[in-house]
Amino acid sequence: MSAMVIQVALAVIPIVLAITLHEAAHGYAALAMGDDTAKVAGRLSLNPLAHVDRFGTVLLPGFLLIFQLLSFGRVFFMFGWAKPVPVAAWRFRHPRQGMMVVAAAGPAMNFFLAWVGAVLLNLSGFRLDAEPSLLGQFLLDFIVINLVLGLFNLLPIPPLDGGRIVVGLLPASLAQVWARLERLGIVLVLLVIFLLPRMLADFGIAFDPFAALLNNVVPWALRIVMQLAGFGAGSSDVQVI
């Protein structure tokens, strides 16, 4: 029972911290550029409850957590989302570019948190050739979860942060078309990331951006973060999962 409690803590606490600070970063970035919508709505908060989406933050992750613990004894994969921070882009001097900065603030916060976690991991005496302590495992999970969350949100699919960044970079006519896709919400993300790769695989077409992210981009980002935190070249040997 105690081992299961530890597994739950190792899975839930880093995710809660990563999501909470990610969303708060959006709100503070908007406030810095003159939009206090998130502040008025009470979303400039480090209280995780302020950012909870009933299905995306509680029900879906909870189901994945319980299913994996009962089936495999540990957590391999988590997916979910928080309640978006409200932003009134029309209050920015340049709405599209301002929204792009607000969108980028979330992933930037996650990358910063990953680096902080790596610095703490280095200070904790973590060694690549030894079994990590409970603190070491927690920090490793914290680093990887922040990297996955930050990089996943940079995928150029509305309503992910990357989709909003693309809207700020495209010419106005194309930006309007791309921005309209946001109306589909999380359904578009689930379609492109999870359903479309399975459908295309039946026709022999290899298209799986999420797998490419986990297998290629995340290990590369992990290596960079570890080295920036003072680990040597051997940090490339750290396992993502």
Protein backbone atom coordinates (compact mmCIF):
# COMPACT_ATOMS: atom_id res chain seq x y z
CA MET A 1 0.00 0.00 0.00
CA SER A 2 2.80 2.42 0.89
CA ALA A 3 4.51 1.73 -2.46
CA MET A 4 1.29 2.65 -4.29
CA VAL A 5 0.98 5.88 -2.28
CA ILE A 6 4.55 6.78 -3.27
CA GLN A 7 3.80 6.07 -6.93
CA VAL A 8 0.70 8.28 -6.76
CA ALA A 9 2.69 11.10 -5.14
CA LEU A 10 5.50 10.80 -7.71
CA ALA A 11 2.94 11.04 -10.51
CA VAL A 12 0.53 13.64 -9.15
CA ILE A 13 2.63 16.23 -7.30
CA PRO A 14 5.00 17.09 -10.21
CA ILE A 15 2.04 17.29 -12.61
CA VAL A 16 0.07 19.59 -10.30
CA LEU A 17 3.08 21.89 -9.85
CA ALA A 18 3.87 21.94 -13.57
CA ILE A 19 0.29 22.68 -14.65
CA THR A 20 -0.36 25.28 -11.94
CA LEU A 21 2.76 27.32 -12.66
CA HIS A 22 2.24 26.93 -16.42
CA GLU A 23 -1.22 28.47 -16.20
CA ALA A 24 -0.15 31.17 -13.73
CA ALA A 25 2.64 32.18 -16.16
CA HIS A 26 0.04 32.87 -18.86
CA GLY A 27 -1.88 35.15 -16.52
CA TYR A 28 1.16 37.05 -15.26
CA ALA A 29 2.42 37.56 -18.83
CA ALA A 30 -0.96 39.01 -19.83
CA LEU A 31 -0.98 41.25 -16.75
CA ALA A 32 2.51 42.55 -17.59
CA MET A 33 1.17 43.65 -20.98
CA GLY A 34 -1.90 45.40 -19.59
CA ASP A 35 -4.62 42.74 -19.40
CA ASP A 36 -5.90 42.08 -15.87
CA THR A 37 -8.67 39.65 -16.93
CA ALA A 38 -7.00 36.69 -15.24
CA LYS A 39 -6.36 38.73 -12.09
CA VAL A 40 -10.00 39.83 -11.87
CA ALA A 41 -11.13 36.23 -12.42
CA GLY A 42 -8.90 35.02 -9.55
CA ARG A 43 -6.65 33.01 -11.86
CA LEU A 44 -3.37 34.69 -10.88
CA SER A 45 -3.03 32.05 -8.20
CA LEU A 46 -0.58 29.33 -7.23
CA ASN A 47 -3.50 27.42 -5.72
CA PRO A 48 -4.00 24.39 -8.01
CA LEU A 49 -7.75 24.43 -7.34
CA ALA A 50 -8.03 27.72 -9.23
CA HIS A 51 -6.93 25.98 -12.43
CA VAL A 52 -8.82 22.68 -12.14
CA ASP A 53 -10.90 21.46 -15.06
CA ARG A 54 -13.28 18.76 -13.80
CA PHE A 55 -12.68 16.35 -16.66
CA GLY A 56 -9.21 17.31 -17.92
CA THR A 57 -7.56 17.73 -14.51
CA VAL A 58 -9.45 15.24 -12.34
CA LEU A 59 -11.46 12.54 -14.10
CA LEU A 60 -9.22 11.65 -17.07
CA PRO A 61 -5.86 11.74 -15.22
CA GLY A 62 -7.46 9.94 -12.28
CA PHE A 63 -8.69 7.14 -14.53
CA LEU A 64 -5.26 6.81 -16.20
CA LEU A 65 -3.54 6.81 -12.80
CA ILE A 66 -5.74 4.13 -11.23
CA PHE A 67 -5.77 1.96 -14.36
CA GLN A 68 -1.97 1.93 -14.66
CA LEU A 69 -1.36 1.33 -10.96
CA LEU A 70 -3.78 -1.58 -10.87
CA SER A 71 -2.56 -3.03 -14.18
CA PHE A 72 1.21 -2.40 -14.07
CA GLY A 73 2.04 -1.30 -10.54
CA ARG A 74 3.46 2.03 -11.72
CA VAL A 75 2.57 5.04 -13.84
CA PHE A 76 3.93 5.14 -17.39
CA PHE A 77 1.77 7.79 -19.06
CA MET A 78 -0.46 10.68 -18.00
CA PHE A 79 -2.58 13.06 -20.05
CA GLY A 80 -4.80 15.95 -19.05
CA TRP A 81 -5.29 19.68 -19.12
CA ALA A 82 -6.14 22.61 -16.87
CA LYS A 83 -8.80 25.28 -17.22
CA PRO A 84 -7.43 27.88 -19.65
CA VAL A 85 -6.50 31.26 -18.17
CA PRO A 86 -8.84 33.96 -19.57
CA VAL A 87 -7.05 36.57 -21.68
CA ALA A 88 -8.56 39.61 -23.44
CA ALA A 89 -6.17 39.94 -26.36
CA TRP A 90 -7.88 43.15 -27.56
CA ARG A 91 -6.30 44.94 -24.58
CA PHE A 92 -2.82 44.39 -25.99
CA ARG A 93 -1.26 47.03 -28.20
CA HIS A 94 -0.69 44.34 -30.83
CA PRO A 95 -3.26 41.60 -30.06
CA ARG A 96 -1.83 38.75 -32.15
CA GLN A 97 1.75 39.32 -31.08
CA GLY A 98 0.69 39.91 -27.48
CA MET A 99 -1.23 36.65 -27.44
CA MET A 100 1.85 34.93 -28.85
CA VAL A 101 3.93 36.18 -25.90
CA VAL A 102 1.25 35.07 -23.42
CA ALA A 103 1.12 31.63 -25.04
CA ALA A 104 4.90 31.25 -24.97
CA ALA A 105 5.03 32.11 -21.25
CA GLY A 106 3.53 28.76 -20.24
CA PRO A 107 6.10 26.50 -21.92
CA ALA A 108 8.88 28.93 -20.92
CA MET A 109 7.85 28.45 -17.28
CA ASN A 110 7.97 24.66 -17.69
CA PHE A 111 11.47 24.79 -19.18
CA PHE A 112 12.60 27.03 -16.33
CA LEU A 113 11.11 24.63 -13.77
CA ALA A 114 12.85 21.70 -15.49
CA TRP A 115 16.18 23.53 -15.16
CA VAL A 116 15.49 24.35 -11.48
CA GLY A 117 14.68 20.68 -10.89
CA ALA A 118 17.94 19.66 -12.57
CA VAL A 119 19.94 22.10 -10.43
CA LEU A 120 18.33 20.68 -7.28
CA LEU A 121 19.01 17.17 -8.55
CA ASN A 122 22.69 18.03 -8.97
CA LEU A 123 22.84 19.58 -5.50
CA SER A 124 21.19 16.48 -4.02
CA GLY A 125 24.22 14.37 -4.96
CA PHE A 126 22.41 12.42 -7.68
CA ARG A 127 24.71 10.03 -9.57
CA LEU A 128 24.02 8.54 -12.98
CA ASP A 129 25.59 5.21 -12.01
CA ALA A 130 23.51 4.69 -8.85
CA GLU A 131 19.89 3.95 -8.04
CA PRO A 132 18.13 7.28 -7.41
CA SER A 133 16.82 8.07 -3.94
CA LEU A 134 13.16 8.94 -3.44
CA LEU A 135 14.08 12.63 -3.73
CA GLY A 136 16.15 11.94 -6.82
CA GLN A 137 13.28 10.05 -8.46
CA PHE A 138 10.86 12.85 -7.60
CA LEU A 139 13.15 15.46 -9.15
CA LEU A 140 13.72 13.34 -12.25
CA ASP A 141 9.96 12.95 -12.70
CA PHE A 142 9.51 16.69 -12.11
CA ILE A 143 12.10 17.51 -14.79
CA VAL A 144 10.66 15.15 -17.38
CA ILE A 145 7.03 16.13 -16.73
CA ASN A 146 7.86 19.81 -17.18
CA LEU A 147 9.77 19.09 -20.39
CA VAL A 148 6.94 16.97 -21.79
CA LEU A 149 4.31 19.55 -20.83
CA GLY A 150 6.32 22.44 -22.26
CA LEU A 151 7.22 20.70 -25.51
CA PHE A 152 3.75 19.20 -25.99
CA ASN A 153 2.18 22.64 -25.67
CA LEU A 154 4.53 23.95 -28.36
CA LEU A 155 3.01 21.63 -30.97
CA PRO A 156 1.45 24.03 -33.53
CA ILE A 157 -2.10 22.80 -33.01
CA PRO A 158 -4.83 25.12 -31.69
CA PRO A 159 -5.74 25.48 -28.86
CA LEU A 160 -2.26 24.46 -27.64
CA ASP A 161 0.19 27.28 -26.97
CA GLY A 162 2.09 26.40 -30.13
CA GLY A 163 -1.04 26.97 -32.20
CA ARG A 164 -1.43 30.45 -30.71
CA ILE A 165 2.24 31.21 -31.36
CA VAL A 166 1.72 30.25 -35.01
CA VAL A 167 -1.23 32.67 -35.19
CA GLY A 168 1.12 35.46 -34.06
CA LEU A 169 3.72 34.57 -36.66
CA LEU A 170 1.53 34.03 -39.72
CA PRO A 171 0.32 36.80 -42.06
CA ALA A 172 -3.07 38.15 -40.96
CA SER A 173 -5.13 36.26 -43.58
CA LEU A 174 -3.57 32.89 -42.76
CA ALA A 175 -3.63 33.65 -39.03
CA GLN A 176 -7.42 34.08 -39.15
CA VAL A 177 -7.83 30.67 -40.74
CA TRP A 178 -5.53 29.01 -38.21
CA ALA A 179 -7.19 30.77 -35.28
CA ARG A 180 -10.63 29.45 -36.31
CA LEU A 181 -9.40 25.92 -35.65
CA GLU A 182 -9.32 26.77 -31.94
CA ARG A 183 -13.11 26.44 -31.89
CA LEU A 184 -12.65 22.67 -32.10
CA GLY A 185 -10.81 22.82 -28.77
CA ILE A 186 -9.25 19.71 -27.25
CA VAL A 187 -11.08 17.53 -29.79
CA LEU A 188 -8.65 18.69 -32.49
CA VAL A 189 -5.67 17.86 -30.26
CA LEU A 190 -6.99 14.37 -29.51
CA LEU A 191 -7.70 13.81 -33.21
CA VAL A 192 -4.26 14.87 -34.46
CA ILE A 193 -2.20 13.39 -31.62
CA PHE A 194 -3.96 10.12 -30.90
CA LEU A 195 -6.59 9.16 -33.49
CA LEU A 196 -5.04 10.31 -36.78
CA PRO A 197 -1.73 8.38 -36.29
CA ARG A 198 -3.69 5.14 -35.78
CA MET A 199 -5.80 5.75 -38.87
CA LEU A 200 -2.80 6.61 -41.06
CA ALA A 201 -0.89 3.58 -39.78
CA ASP A 202 -3.50 1.36 -41.44
CA PHE A 203 -2.40 2.85 -44.77
CA GLY A 204 1.30 2.45 -44.02
CA ILE A 205 1.81 6.15 -43.29
CA ALA A 206 4.05 6.90 -40.32
CA PHE A 207 2.70 9.97 -38.54
CA ASP A 208 2.92 10.12 -34.76
CA PRO A 209 4.04 13.54 -33.46
CA PHE A 210 3.53 12.57 -29.82
CA ALA A 211 5.73 9.47 -30.11
CA ALA A 212 8.37 11.54 -31.94
CA LEU A 213 8.21 14.06 -29.12
CA LEU A 214 8.71 11.43 -26.42
CA ASN A 215 11.33 9.37 -28.23
CA ASN A 216 13.44 12.10 -29.82
CA VAL A 217 12.79 15.64 -28.63
CA VAL A 218 12.33 15.00 -24.89
CA PRO A 219 15.62 13.04 -24.47
CA TRP A 220 17.43 15.79 -26.38
CA ALA A 221 15.87 18.49 -24.18
CA LEU A 222 16.62 16.46 -21.05
CA ARG A 223 20.28 16.21 -22.03
CA ILE A 224 20.50 19.98 -22.55
CA VAL A 225 18.76 20.80 -19.25
CA MET A 226 20.98 18.40 -17.31
CA GLN A 227 24.12 19.86 -18.84
CA LEU A 228 22.94 23.43 -18.12
CA ALA A 229 22.47 22.35 -14.50
CA GLY A 230 26.09 21.23 -14.23
CA PHE A 231 25.94 17.56 -15.20
CA GLY A 232 28.54 16.30 -17.64
CA ALA A 233 28.10 14.72 -21.04
CA GLY A 234 27.05 11.48 -19.35
CA SER A 235 23.71 13.08 -18.54
CA SER A 236 22.57 11.74 -21.91
CA ASP A 237 22.37 8.34 -20.17
CA VAL A 238 19.48 9.43 -17.96
CA GLN A 239 16.35 7.47 -18.87
CA VAL A 240 13.21 9.44 -19.67
CA ILE A 241 10.93 6.64 -18.49
